[in-house]
PDB file of N, CA and C in Angstrom:
ATOM      1  N   UNK A   1       0.871  -1.212  -0.021  1.00  0.00           N
ATOM      2  CA  UNK A   1      -0.025  -0.140  -0.070  1.00  0.00           C
ATOM      3  C   UNK A   1       0.853   1.231   0.020  1.00  0.00           C
ATOM      4  N   UNK A   2       0.480   2.354  -0.788  1.00  0.00           N
ATOM      5  CA  UNK A   2       1.188   3.466  -0.885  1.00  0.00           C
ATOM      6  C   UNK A   2       0.970   4.408   0.291  1.00  0.00           C
ATOM      7  N   UNK A   3       1.963   5.120   0.804  1.00  0.00           N
ATOM      8  CA  UNK A   3       1.740   6.155   1.827  1.00  0.00           C
ATOM      9  C   UNK A   3       0.816   7.245   1.384  1.00  0.00           C
ATOM     10  N   UNK A   4      -0.075   7.736   2.163  1.00  0.00           N
ATOM     11  CA  UNK A   4      -0.765   8.875   1.692  1.00  0.00           C
ATOM     12  C   UNK A   4      -0.057  10.008   1.520  1.00  0.00           C
ATOM     13  N   UNK A   5      -0.458  10.963   0.736  1.00  0.00           N
ATOM     14  CA  UNK A   5       0.075  12.204   0.469  1.00  0.00           C
ATOM     15  C   UNK A   5      -0.463  13.285   1.393  1.00  0.00           C
ATOM     16  N   UNK A   6       0.272  13.863   2.260  1.00  0.00           N
ATOM     17  CA  UNK A   6      -0.345  14.791   3.199  1.00  0.00           C
ATOM     18  C   UNK A   6      -0.842  15.977   2.524  1.00  0.00           C
ATOM     19  N   UNK A   7      -2.026  16.487   2.877  1.00  0.00           N
ATOM     20  CA  UNK A   7      -2.670  17.605   2.334  1.00  0.00           C
ATOM     21  C   UNK A   7      -1.864  18.903   2.978  1.00  0.00           C
ATOM     22  N   UNK A   8      -1.555  19.875   2.049  1.00  0.00           N
ATOM     23  CA  UNK A   8      -0.808  21.126   2.510  1.00  0.00           C
ATOM     24  C   UNK A   8      -1.978  22.222   2.584  1.00  0.00           C
ATOM     25  N   UNK A   9      -2.959  22.011   1.715  1.00  0.00           N
ATOM     26  CA  UNK A   9      -3.998  23.112   1.689  1.00  0.00           C
ATOM     27  C   UNK A   9      -4.905  22.707   0.631  1.00  0.00           C
ATOM     28  N   UNK A  10      -6.089  23.543   0.679  1.00  0.00           N
ATOM     29  CA  UNK A  10      -7.125  23.337  -0.276  1.00  0.00           C
ATOM     30  C   UNK A  10      -7.633  24.640  -0.883  1.00  0.00           C
ATOM     31  N   UNK A  11      -7.637  24.858  -2.096  1.00  0.00           N
ATOM     32  CA  UNK A  11      -8.040  26.016  -2.808  1.00  0.00           C
ATOM     33  C   UNK A  11      -9.406  26.027  -3.145  1.00  0.00           C
ATOM     34  N   UNK A  12      -9.908  24.994  -3.778  1.00  0.00           N
ATOM     35  CA  UNK A  12     -11.344  24.965  -4.262  1.00  0.00           C
ATOM     36  C   UNK A  12     -12.068  23.731  -3.982  1.00  0.00           C
ATOM     37  N   UNK A  13     -13.364  23.724  -3.653  1.00  0.00           N
ATOM     38  CA  UNK A  13     -14.172  22.458  -3.414  1.00  0.00           C
ATOM     39  C   UNK A  13     -15.454  22.856  -4.092  1.00  0.00           C
ATOM     40  N   UNK A  14     -16.043  21.866  -4.852  1.00  0.00           N
ATOM     41  CA  UNK A  14     -17.234  21.886  -5.377  1.00  0.00           C
ATOM     42  C   UNK A  14     -18.264  20.924  -4.824  1.00  0.00           C
ATOM     43  N   UNK A  15     -19.435  21.489  -4.641  1.00  0.00           N
ATOM     44  CA  UNK A  15     -20.432  20.706  -3.840  1.00  0.00           C
ATOM     45  C   UNK A  15     -21.823  20.708  -4.959  1.00  0.00           C
ATOM     46  N   UNK A  16     -22.426  19.606  -5.088  1.00  0.00           N
ATOM     47  CA  UNK A  16     -23.529  19.648  -5.930  1.00  0.00           C
ATOM     48  C   UNK A  16     -24.788  19.737  -4.975  1.00  0.00           C
ATOM     49  N   UNK A  17     -25.643  20.648  -5.233  1.00  0.00           N
ATOM     50  CA  UNK A  17     -26.819  20.945  -4.284  1.00  0.00           C
ATOM     51  C   UNK A  17     -28.101  20.935  -5.149  1.00  0.00           C
ATOM     52  N   UNK A  18     -29.213  20.802  -4.329  1.00  0.00           N
ATOM     53  CA  UNK A  18     -30.573  20.728  -5.047  1.00  0.00           C
ATOM     54  C   UNK A  18     -31.188  22.165  -5.187  1.00  0.00           C
ATOM     55  N   UNK A  19     -30.844  23.028  -4.269  1.00  0.00           N
ATOM     56  CA  UNK A  19     -31.383  24.294  -4.251  1.00  0.00           C
ATOM     57  C   UNK A  19     -30.204  25.360  -3.967  1.00  0.00           C
ATOM     58  N   UNK A  20     -29.787  26.003  -5.064  1.00  0.00           N
ATOM     59  CA  UNK A  20     -28.684  26.727  -5.062  1.00  0.00           C
ATOM     60  C   UNK A  20     -28.964  28.079  -4.130  1.00  0.00           C
ATOM     61  N   UNK A  21     -30.132  28.750  -4.329  1.00  0.00           N
ATOM     62  CA  UNK A  21     -30.387  29.956  -3.509  1.00  0.00           C
ATOM     63  C   UNK A  21     -30.454  29.539  -1.875  1.00  0.00           C
ATOM     64  N   UNK A  22     -31.018  28.417  -1.527  1.00  0.00           N
ATOM     65  CA  UNK A  22     -31.050  27.865  -0.304  1.00  0.00           C
ATOM     66  C   UNK A  22     -29.555  27.650   0.308  1.00  0.00           C
ATOM     67  N   UNK A  23     -28.813  26.922  -0.671  1.00  0.00           N
ATOM     68  CA  UNK A  23     -27.446  26.724  -0.171  1.00  0.00           C
ATOM     69  C   UNK A  23     -26.613  28.090   0.023  1.00  0.00           C
ATOM     70  N   UNK A  24     -26.763  29.121  -0.868  1.00  0.00           N
ATOM     71  CA  UNK A  24     -26.080  30.180  -0.706  1.00  0.00           C
ATOM     72  C   UNK A  24     -26.490  30.802   0.767  1.00  0.00           C
ATOM     73  N   UNK A  25     -27.813  30.861   0.987  1.00  0.00           N
ATOM     74  CA  UNK A  25     -28.164  31.451   2.217  1.00  0.00           C
ATOM     75  C   UNK A  25     -27.591  30.674   3.446  1.00  0.00           C
ATOM     76  N   UNK A  26     -27.623  29.531   3.374  1.00  0.00           N
ATOM     77  CA  UNK A  26     -26.921  28.627   4.493  1.00  0.00           C
ATOM     78  C   UNK A  26     -25.453  28.927   4.693  1.00  0.00           C
ATOM     79  N   UNK A  27     -24.753  28.824   3.558  1.00  0.00           N
ATOM     80  CA  UNK A  27     -23.185  28.943   3.776  1.00  0.00           C
ATOM     81  C   UNK A  27     -22.790  30.580   4.013  1.00  0.00           C
ATOM     82  N   UNK A  28     -23.765  31.460   3.618  1.00  0.00           N
ATOM     83  CA  UNK A  28     -23.475  32.836   3.823  1.00  0.00           C
ATOM     84  C   UNK A  28     -23.890  33.061   5.194  1.00  0.00           C
ATOM     85  N   UNK A  29     -25.187  32.911   5.519  1.00  0.00           N
ATOM     86  CA  UNK A  29     -25.742  33.432   6.725  1.00  0.00           C
ATOM     87  C   UNK A  29     -25.557  32.478   7.988  1.00  0.00           C
ATOM     88  N   UNK A  30     -25.578  31.203   7.770  1.00  0.00           N
ATOM     89  CA  UNK A  30     -25.252  30.284   8.971  1.00  0.00           C
ATOM     90  C   UNK A  30     -23.688  29.902   9.097  1.00  0.00           C
ATOM     91  N   UNK A  31     -23.101  29.526   8.267  1.00  0.00           N
ATOM     92  CA  UNK A  31     -21.668  29.239   8.184  1.00  0.00           C
ATOM     93  C   UNK A  31     -20.822  30.550   8.160  1.00  0.00           C
ATOM     94  N   UNK A  32     -21.398  31.597   7.615  1.00  0.00           N
ATOM     95  CA  UNK A  32     -20.511  32.736   7.694  1.00  0.00           C
ATOM     96  C   UNK A  32     -19.501  32.969   6.458  1.00  0.00           C
ATOM     97  N   UNK A  33     -19.721  32.103   5.450  1.00  0.00           N
ATOM     98  CA  UNK A  33     -18.713  32.452   4.321  1.00  0.00           C
ATOM     99  C   UNK A  33     -19.137  33.494   3.484  1.00  0.00           C
ATOM    100  N   UNK A  34     -18.301  34.517   3.090  1.00  0.00           N
ATOM    101  CA  UNK A  34     -18.808  35.659   2.277  1.00  0.00           C
ATOM    102  C   UNK A  34     -19.000  35.142   0.854  1.00  0.00           C
ATOM    103  N   UNK A  35     -19.989  35.644   0.011  1.00  0.00           N
ATOM    104  CA  UNK A  35     -20.272  35.229  -1.238  1.00  0.00           C
ATOM    105  C   UNK A  35     -19.328  35.973  -2.103  1.00  0.00           C
ATOM    106  N   UNK A  36     -18.504  35.285  -2.958  1.00  0.00           N
ATOM    107  CA  UNK A  36     -17.672  35.614  -3.855  1.00  0.00           C
ATOM    108  C   UNK A  36     -18.186  36.110  -5.177  1.00  0.00           C
ATOM    109  N   UNK A  37     -19.064  35.051  -5.635  1.00  0.00           N
ATOM    110  CA  UNK A  37     -19.479  35.299  -7.064  1.00  0.00           C
ATOM    111  C   UNK A  37     -20.939  34.462  -7.186  1.00  0.00           C
ATOM    112  N   UNK A  38     -21.933  34.943  -7.650  1.00  0.00           N
ATOM    113  CA  UNK A  38     -23.038  34.274  -7.885  1.00  0.00           C
ATOM    114  C   UNK A  38     -23.336  34.215  -9.358  1.00  0.00           C
ATOM    115  N   UNK A  39     -23.641  33.098 -10.136  1.00  0.00           N
ATOM    116  CA  UNK A  39     -23.719  32.850 -11.273  1.00  0.00           C
ATOM    117  C   UNK A  39     -25.022  32.002 -11.509  1.00  0.00           C
ATOM    118  N   UNK A  40     -26.336  32.837 -11.331  1.00  0.00           N
ATOM    119  CA  UNK A  40     -27.451  31.860 -11.360  1.00  0.00           C
ATOM    120  C   UNK A  40     -27.693  31.311 -12.820  1.00  0.00           C
ATOM    121  N   UNK A  41     -27.193  31.913 -13.772  1.00  0.00           N
ATOM    122  CA  UNK A  41     -27.443  31.459 -15.340  1.00  0.00           C
ATOM    123  C   UNK A  41     -26.773  30.115 -15.511  1.00  0.00           C
ATOM    124  N   UNK A  42     -25.643  29.985 -14.577  1.00  0.00           N
ATOM    125  CA  UNK A  42     -24.883  28.701 -14.699  1.00  0.00           C
ATOM    126  C   UNK A  42     -25.160  27.720 -13.575  1.00  0.00           C
ATOM    127  N   UNK A  43     -26.124  28.190 -12.725  1.00  0.00           N
ATOM    128  CA  UNK A  43     -26.378  27.413 -11.559  1.00  0.00           C
ATOM    129  C   UNK A  43     -25.353  27.208 -10.547  1.00  0.00           C
ATOM    130  N   UNK A  44     -24.552  28.226 -10.502  1.00  0.00           N
ATOM    131  CA  UNK A  44     -23.227  28.111  -9.609  1.00  0.00           C
ATOM    132  C   UNK A  44     -23.129  29.438  -8.777  1.00  0.00           C
ATOM    133  N   UNK A  45     -22.419  29.145  -7.622  1.00  0.00           N
ATOM    134  CA  UNK A  45     -21.890  30.254  -6.643  1.00  0.00           C
ATOM    135  C   UNK A  45     -20.712  29.967  -6.129  1.00  0.00           C
ATOM    136  N   UNK A  46     -20.066  31.112  -5.766  1.00  0.00           N
ATOM    137  CA  UNK A  46     -18.630  30.741  -5.108  1.00  0.00           C
ATOM    138  C   UNK A  46     -18.695  31.586  -3.779  1.00  0.00           C
ATOM    139  N   UNK A  47     -18.159  30.887  -2.847  1.00  0.00           N
ATOM    140  CA  UNK A  47     -17.959  31.563  -1.348  1.00  0.00           C
ATOM    141  C   UNK A  47     -16.491  31.524  -0.962  1.00  0.00           C
ATOM    142  N   UNK A  48     -16.132  32.535  -0.422  1.00  0.00           N
ATOM    143  CA  UNK A  48     -14.876  32.599   0.122  1.00  0.00           C
ATOM    144  C   UNK A  48     -14.610  31.827   1.482  1.00  0.00           C
ATOM    145  N   UNK A  49     -13.498  30.913   1.586  1.00  0.00           N
ATOM    146  CA  UNK A  49     -13.327  30.422   2.855  1.00  0.00           C
ATOM    147  C   UNK A  49     -12.284  31.128   3.548  1.00  0.00           C
ATOM    148  N   UNK A  50     -12.525  31.910   4.700  1.00  0.00           N
ATOM    149  CA  UNK A  50     -11.560  32.623   5.253  1.00  0.00           C
ATOM    150  C   UNK A  50     -11.559  34.017   4.589  1.00  0.00           C
ATOM    151  N   UNK A  51     -10.366  34.622   4.277  1.00  0.00           N
ATOM    152  CA  UNK A  51     -10.168  36.067   3.585  1.00  0.00           C
ATOM    153  C   UNK A  51     -10.587  35.901   2.124  1.00  0.00           C
ATOM    154  N   UNK A  52     -11.157  37.003   1.573  1.00  0.00           N
ATOM    155  CA  UNK A  52     -11.385  37.157   0.256  1.00  0.00           C
ATOM    156  C   UNK A  52     -10.189  36.955  -0.395  1.00  0.00           C
ATOM    157  N   UNK A  53     -10.163  36.227  -1.576  1.00  0.00           N
ATOM    158  CA  UNK A  53      -8.778  35.938  -2.324  1.00  0.00           C
ATOM    159  C   UNK A  53      -8.133  34.737  -1.962  1.00  0.00           C
ATOM    160  N   UNK A  54      -8.594  33.992  -0.850  1.00  0.00           N
ATOM    161  CA  UNK A  54      -7.778  32.881  -0.358  1.00  0.00           C
ATOM    162  C   UNK A  54      -8.666  31.592  -0.912  1.00  0.00           C
ATOM    163  N   UNK A  55      -8.977  30.851  -0.175  1.00  0.00           N
ATOM    164  CA  UNK A  55      -9.556  29.443  -0.449  1.00  0.00           C
ATOM    165  C   UNK A  55     -11.014  29.759  -0.972  1.00  0.00           C
ATOM    166  N   UNK A  56     -11.642  29.042  -1.766  1.00  0.00           N
ATOM    167  CA  UNK A  56     -12.762  29.258  -2.498  1.00  0.00           C
ATOM    168  C   UNK A  56     -13.695  27.772  -2.450  1.00  0.00           C
ATOM    169  N   UNK A  57     -15.024  27.934  -2.060  1.00  0.00           N
ATOM    170  CA  UNK A  57     -15.784  26.879  -2.290  1.00  0.00           C
ATOM    171  C   UNK A  57     -16.930  27.014  -3.340  1.00  0.00           C
ATOM    172  N   UNK A  58     -17.285  26.097  -4.175  1.00  0.00           N
ATOM    173  CA  UNK A  58     -18.292  26.416  -5.199  1.00  0.00           C
ATOM    174  C   UNK A  58     -19.565  25.500  -4.882  1.00  0.00           C
ATOM    175  N   UNK A  59     -20.628  26.076  -5.152  1.00  0.00           N
ATOM    176  CA  UNK A  59     -21.829  25.216  -5.037  1.00  0.00           C
ATOM    177  C   UNK A  59     -22.435  25.205  -6.430  1.00  0.00           C
ATOM    178  N   UNK A  60     -22.807  24.186  -6.801  1.00  0.00           N
ATOM    179  CA  UNK A  60     -23.574  24.144  -8.194  1.00  0.00           C
ATOM    180  C   UNK A  60     -25.040  23.305  -8.038  1.00  0.00           C
ATOM    181  N   UNK A  61     -25.936  23.862  -8.699  1.00  0.00           N
ATOM    182  CA  UNK A  61     -27.051  23.182  -8.582  1.00  0.00           C
ATOM    183  C   UNK A  61     -26.992  21.828  -9.372  1.00  0.00           C
ATOM    184  N   UNK A  62     -27.544  20.697  -8.974  1.00  0.00           N
ATOM    185  CA  UNK A  62     -27.509  19.474  -9.590  1.00  0.00           C
ATOM    186  C   UNK A  62     -28.901  19.129 -10.193  1.00  0.00           C
ATOM    187  N   UNK A  63     -28.791  18.617 -11.444  1.00  0.00           N
ATOM    188  CA  UNK A  63     -29.994  18.258 -12.033  1.00  0.00           C
ATOM    189  C   UNK A  63     -30.541  16.789 -11.737  1.00  0.00           C
ATOM    190  N   UNK A  64     -29.534  16.131 -11.066  1.00  0.00           N
ATOM    191  CA  UNK A  64     -29.741  14.681 -10.645  1.00  0.00           C
ATOM    192  C   UNK A  64     -30.936  14.529  -9.635  1.00  0.00           C
ATOM    193  N   UNK A  65     -31.750  13.665  -9.796  1.00  0.00           N
ATOM    194  CA  UNK A  65     -32.710  13.387  -8.960  1.00  0.00           C
ATOM    195  C   UNK A  65     -32.212  13.021  -7.541  1.00  0.00           C
ATOM    196  N   UNK A  66     -32.849  13.417  -6.479  1.00  0.00           N
ATOM    197  CA  UNK A  66     -32.439  13.139  -5.123  1.00  0.00           C
ATOM    198  C   UNK A  66     -32.902  11.692  -4.708  1.00  0.00           C
ATOM    199  N   UNK A  67     -32.149  11.157  -4.037  1.00  0.00           N
ATOM    200  CA  UNK A  67     -32.442   9.663  -3.603  1.00  0.00           C
ATOM    201  C   UNK A  67     -33.470   9.772  -2.445  1.00  0.00           C
ATOM    202  N   UNK A  68     -34.225   8.762  -2.259  1.00  0.00           N
ATOM    203  CA  UNK A  68     -35.332   8.669  -1.204  1.00  0.00           C
ATOM    204  C   UNK A  68     -34.629   8.447   0.028  1.00  0.00           C
TER     205      UNK A  68
END
């Protein structure tokens, strides 16, 4: 088995969500991440993790059906 590579940092993460507006509100208002960019025409939003210009998290609306 190979040794795991240690993570030094993380710049960007993508999350598939079923309701983009609700997800933006949660990550902005509850978690406290500042909104960096909202692209509703693409079904995507980007939020800063920490200071603006640093790490970024992206939420994208998924067209996949939700499992029961």
